[in-house]
Amino acid sequence: MKKNVLITGGSRGIGLGIAKELAKLGCNLAINGMRDKSEINEVLEELKTMGAETIYCQGNVSSRLDRDKIVKTVTERFGAINVLVNNAGVAPKERMDLLKTKEESYDRVMDINLKGAFFLTQQVANLMVSSKMENADFEGHIINISSVSAVTASVERGEYCISKAGMGMMTKLFATRLGEHDIPVYEIRPGLIKTDMTSAVLEKYQKLIAKGLTVEPRMGLPEDIGKVVSALVQGQMPYATGQVINVDGGLSIPRL
């Protein structure tokens, strides 16, 4: 049976890498993003040619009204939601010393990266529980795309680090609450991934990697994350709800 997947921030970067891997599985894909549909038609068509029935759910996850609209669009088209991938996230518009971080930047990052993910998860989790009660064979998964920044301090983007650390606890909370319903919740922590979000500091990261920052001497790619999500969606990591999967090339390994 095809699984219906909602991927927030799924039209570019890591989210698109995830979408492409799930398209290979033949999943039905609901891609969320903030851009106008006309700007991502090529992306949607590419996913369709890979075998996935694909729809676009435009909206800002930090907005309650938009979250309602996103979920309604998915359920009206596909019915139940089997998989929620909380991937939508933003970095601060301006990297700024922790002692000078602006409240406006903090609110923007936290609203999108954490508050939006929390309340979208709450909404979808309730739908999943209802689906499970109606059909014992229903399979639900929630996958949170966090970051090594959840545990690695970066004083020029503290609000981002805090948002991802919060997602770590959010994962544990929902995993604990949904355990009785057999709905696993996972957290994936990407490391340095080559996307438009890291393009501005790409040269800096490449130099650090050349000096040994990561065990594997390269930046990660969106498909590296997508392959892990694919395994989770296929149920290849049972009995591990609430766990963190680091996909960072060994960046998080303490070394002497």
Protein backbone atom coordinates (compact mmCIF):
# COMPACT_ATOMS: atom_id res chain seq x y z
CA MET A 1 0.00 0.00 0.00
CA LYS A 2 1.35 3.42 -0.96
CA LYS A 3 2.19 5.70 1.93
CA ASN A 4 1.05 9.29 1.96
CA VAL A 5 3.89 11.60 2.96
CA LEU A 6 3.84 15.28 3.92
CA ILE A 7 7.26 16.94 3.68
CA THR A 8 7.54 20.50 4.94
CA GLY A 9 10.13 22.57 3.11
CA GLY A 10 10.17 19.82 0.51
CA SER A 11 10.79 21.79 -2.65
CA ARG A 12 14.52 22.41 -2.24
CA GLY A 13 17.64 21.34 -0.37
CA ILE A 14 17.35 18.50 2.13
CA GLY A 15 13.58 18.37 1.76
CA LEU A 16 13.85 17.77 -1.98
CA GLY A 17 16.52 15.15 -1.42
CA ILE A 18 14.08 13.36 0.87
CA ALA A 19 11.24 13.73 -1.62
CA LYS A 20 13.29 12.18 -4.42
CA GLU A 21 14.19 9.13 -2.36
CA LEU A 22 10.57 8.62 -1.30
CA ALA A 23 9.43 9.08 -4.90
CA LYS A 24 11.56 6.03 -5.72
CA LEU A 25 9.45 4.08 -3.23
CA GLY A 26 6.30 5.15 -5.03
CA CYS A 27 4.97 7.19 -2.12
CA ASN A 28 2.28 9.80 -2.60
CA LEU A 29 3.99 13.11 -1.88
CA ALA A 30 2.58 16.33 -0.46
CA ILE A 31 5.28 18.95 -0.82
CA ASN A 32 5.01 22.02 1.38
CA GLY A 33 6.84 25.25 0.72
CA MET A 34 6.36 29.00 0.83
CA ARG A 35 7.12 29.81 -2.81
CA ASP A 36 4.41 30.22 -5.42
CA LYS A 37 3.56 26.99 -7.20
CA SER A 38 4.69 28.48 -10.52
CA GLU A 39 8.24 28.64 -9.15
CA ILE A 40 8.47 24.93 -8.38
CA ASN A 41 6.51 23.34 -11.22
CA GLU A 42 9.69 21.78 -12.59
CA VAL A 43 10.41 20.18 -9.21
CA LEU A 44 6.90 18.78 -8.99
CA GLU A 45 7.07 17.40 -12.53
CA GLU A 46 10.42 15.76 -11.82
CA LEU A 47 8.96 13.99 -8.78
CA LYS A 48 5.98 12.85 -10.83
CA THR A 49 8.24 11.38 -13.51
CA MET A 50 9.95 9.38 -10.75
CA GLY A 51 6.64 7.65 -10.03
CA ALA A 52 5.16 9.70 -7.22
CA GLU A 53 1.72 11.24 -7.23
CA THR A 54 2.67 14.74 -6.10
CA ILE A 55 0.75 17.75 -4.85
CA TYR A 56 1.92 21.14 -3.60
CA CYS A 57 0.72 22.57 -0.30
CA GLN A 58 1.84 26.18 -0.12
CA GLY A 59 2.00 27.72 3.32
CA ASN A 60 4.08 28.93 6.24
CA VAL A 61 4.19 26.31 8.99
CA SER A 62 4.50 29.04 11.62
CA SER A 63 0.93 30.12 10.81
CA ARG A 64 -1.98 28.21 12.34
CA LEU A 65 -4.22 29.09 9.41
CA ASP A 66 -1.60 27.88 6.94
CA ARG A 67 -1.08 24.65 8.89
CA ASP A 68 -4.81 23.99 8.76
CA LYS A 69 -4.81 24.65 5.01
CA ILE A 70 -1.82 22.38 4.43
CA VAL A 71 -3.32 19.46 6.32
CA LYS A 72 -6.71 19.92 4.67
CA THR A 73 -5.11 19.88 1.22
CA VAL A 74 -3.31 16.61 1.98
CA THR A 75 -6.24 14.81 3.55
CA GLU A 76 -8.67 15.87 0.84
CA ARG A 77 -6.35 14.46 -1.83
CA PHE A 78 -4.80 11.43 -0.15
CA GLY A 79 -6.96 10.73 2.90
CA ALA A 80 -4.76 9.62 5.77
CA ILE A 81 -1.24 10.92 6.38
CA ASN A 82 1.20 8.05 6.99
CA VAL A 83 4.39 10.05 7.29
CA LEU A 84 5.14 13.57 8.43
CA VAL A 85 8.63 14.88 7.74
CA ASN A 86 9.27 18.09 9.66
CA ASN A 87 11.99 19.56 7.49
CA ALA A 88 11.00 23.22 7.02
CA GLY A 89 13.53 25.49 8.64
CA VAL A 90 15.30 28.78 8.26
CA ALA A 91 18.63 30.16 9.37
CA PRO A 92 18.95 33.71 10.70
CA LYS A 93 18.87 36.22 7.87
CA GLU A 94 22.04 37.69 9.37
CA ARG A 95 24.63 35.84 11.41
CA MET A 96 25.13 37.93 14.51
CA ASP A 97 27.11 37.65 17.72
CA LEU A 98 25.09 36.12 20.55
CA LEU A 99 25.42 39.33 22.54
CA LYS A 100 23.75 41.26 19.72
CA THR A 101 21.08 38.80 18.53
CA LYS A 102 17.85 40.61 17.71
CA GLU A 103 14.50 39.57 19.14
CA GLU A 104 12.90 39.74 15.68
CA SER A 105 15.38 37.20 14.33
CA TYR A 106 14.87 34.93 17.34
CA ASP A 107 11.09 34.98 16.93
CA ARG A 108 11.24 34.29 13.18
CA VAL A 109 13.59 31.32 13.52
CA MET A 110 11.82 29.80 16.52
CA ASP A 111 8.34 30.25 15.02
CA ILE A 112 9.23 28.40 11.82
CA ASN A 113 11.76 25.86 13.07
CA LEU A 114 10.15 24.85 16.36
CA LYS A 115 6.69 26.25 17.05
CA GLY A 116 5.45 25.43 13.56
CA ALA A 117 6.87 21.91 13.70
CA PHE A 118 5.42 21.31 17.17
CA PHE A 119 1.87 22.29 16.35
CA LEU A 120 1.88 20.67 12.91
CA THR A 121 3.06 17.47 14.56
CA GLN A 122 0.32 17.77 17.17
CA GLN A 123 -2.30 18.15 14.45
CA VAL A 124 -1.02 15.30 12.28
CA ALA A 125 -0.41 13.03 15.28
CA ASN A 126 -4.07 13.31 16.23
CA LEU A 127 -5.04 12.29 12.70
CA MET A 128 -2.63 9.36 12.86
CA VAL A 129 -4.08 8.18 16.17
CA SER A 130 -7.58 8.32 14.68
CA SER A 131 -6.41 6.38 11.62
CA LYS A 132 -4.81 3.76 13.87
CA MET A 133 -8.01 3.36 15.88
CA GLU A 134 -10.01 2.89 12.69
CA ASN A 135 -7.49 0.49 11.15
CA ALA A 136 -5.04 -1.49 13.28
CA ASP A 137 -2.83 -2.03 10.21
CA PHE A 138 -2.32 1.71 9.70
CA GLU A 139 1.36 2.68 9.73
CA GLY A 140 2.38 6.13 10.89
CA HIS A 141 5.82 7.71 11.20
CA ILE A 142 6.99 11.16 12.26
CA ILE A 143 10.50 12.19 11.26
CA ASN A 144 12.05 15.43 12.49
CA ILE A 145 14.95 16.89 10.54
CA SER A 146 17.06 18.64 13.15
CA SER A 147 20.77 19.50 12.95
CA VAL A 148 24.09 18.90 14.65
CA SER A 149 23.49 22.46 15.81
CA ALA A 150 21.16 20.93 18.41
CA VAL A 151 24.26 20.01 20.39
CA THR A 152 27.01 22.07 18.75
CA ALA A 153 27.21 25.70 19.83
CA SER A 154 27.46 28.34 17.13
CA VAL A 155 27.47 31.74 18.79
CA GLU A 156 26.71 33.64 15.58
CA ARG A 157 23.40 31.85 15.09
CA GLY A 158 22.27 31.02 18.58
CA GLU A 159 18.55 31.19 17.78
CA TYR A 160 19.01 28.44 15.19
CA CYS A 161 20.87 26.21 17.65
CA ILE A 162 18.17 26.69 20.28
CA SER A 163 15.41 25.85 17.79
CA LYS A 164 17.11 22.59 16.87
CA ALA A 165 17.84 21.68 20.49
CA GLY A 166 14.14 22.20 21.16
CA MET A 167 13.28 19.86 18.32
CA GLY A 168 15.35 17.20 20.05
CA MET A 169 13.11 17.36 23.11
CA MET A 170 10.04 17.61 20.91
CA THR A 171 11.04 14.29 19.35
CA LYS A 172 11.31 12.62 22.74
CA LEU A 173 7.98 14.05 23.88
CA PHE A 174 5.99 12.90 20.88
CA ALA A 175 7.76 9.54 20.81
CA THR A 176 6.72 9.01 24.43
CA ARG A 177 3.15 10.16 23.88
CA LEU A 178 2.60 8.16 20.69
CA GLY A 179 4.31 4.98 21.84
CA GLU A 180 1.04 3.39 22.97
CA HIS A 181 -0.29 3.88 19.44
CA ASP A 182 2.75 2.27 17.80
CA ILE A 183 3.64 5.48 15.95
CA PRO A 184 7.42 5.95 16.06
CA VAL A 185 9.04 9.37 16.09
CA TYR A 186 12.64 9.88 15.00
CA GLU A 187 15.12 12.74 14.84
CA ILE A 188 17.71 13.02 12.09
CA ARG A 189 20.59 15.40 12.71
CA PRO A 190 22.31 16.37 9.46
CA GLY A 191 25.78 17.80 9.58
CA LEU A 192 27.26 20.07 6.92
CA ILE A 193 24.98 19.49 3.94
CA LYS A 194 25.50 21.16 0.57
CA THR A 195 22.30 23.17 0.05
CA ASP A 196 21.26 26.74 -0.68
CA MET A 197 21.18 27.34 3.09
CA THR A 198 24.92 26.65 3.36
CA SER A 199 25.93 28.20 0.04
CA ALA A 200 27.00 31.47 1.65
CA VAL A 201 29.51 29.70 3.89
CA LEU A 202 30.36 26.83 1.54
CA GLU A 203 34.01 27.83 1.09
CA LYS A 204 34.50 28.16 4.85
CA TYR A 205 33.07 24.69 5.50
CA GLN A 206 35.07 23.10 2.69
CA LYS A 207 38.29 24.48 4.16
CA LEU A 208 37.39 23.14 7.61
CA ILE A 209 36.58 19.73 6.16
CA ALA A 210 39.93 19.69 4.34
CA LYS A 211 41.55 20.25 7.75
CA GLY A 212 39.75 17.25 9.24
CA LEU A 213 36.53 18.67 10.68
CA THR A 214 34.63 15.57 9.57
CA VAL A 215 35.72 11.93 9.56
CA GLU A 216 34.42 11.47 6.03
CA PRO A 217 36.26 14.14 3.99
CA ARG A 218 33.30 15.66 2.16
CA MET A 219 30.17 17.69 2.68
CA GLY A 220 26.93 15.78 2.93
CA LEU A 221 24.36 15.80 0.16
CA PRO A 222 20.56 16.01 0.41
CA GLU A 223 20.27 12.42 -0.81
CA ASP A 224 22.34 11.26 2.18
CA ILE A 225 19.48 12.41 4.40
CA GLY A 226 16.86 11.12 1.97
CA LYS A 227 18.23 7.58 2.10
CA VAL A 228 17.95 7.50 5.89
CA VAL A 229 14.38 8.79 5.74
CA SER A 230 13.60 6.14 3.13
CA ALA A 231 14.81 3.41 5.47
CA LEU A 232 12.68 4.75 8.31
CA VAL A 233 9.57 5.02 6.13
CA GLN A 234 10.06 1.39 5.10
CA GLY A 235 10.10 0.37 8.76
CA GLN A 236 13.74 -0.72 8.72
CA MET A 237 14.48 0.78 12.12
CA PRO A 238 11.91 -0.79 14.45
CA TYR A 239 12.03 -0.64 18.25
CA ALA A 240 13.97 2.62 18.17
CA THR A 241 11.39 5.37 18.61
CA GLY A 242 12.69 8.64 20.00
CA GLN A 243 16.22 8.01 18.79
CA VAL A 244 18.62 10.43 17.13
CA ILE A 245 20.32 9.48 13.87
CA ASN A 246 23.39 11.58 13.12
CA VAL A 247 24.05 11.95 9.42
CA ASP A 248 27.12 14.13 9.66
CA GLY A 249 30.11 12.29 8.24
CA GLY A 250 31.47 11.76 11.73
CA LEU A 251 31.39 15.45 12.67
CA SER A 252 29.88 14.67 16.06
CA ILE A 253 32.46 12.04 17.02
CA PRO A 254 34.67 13.37 19.86
CA ARG A 255 38.29 13.04 18.76
CA LEU A 256 41.70 13.79 20.21
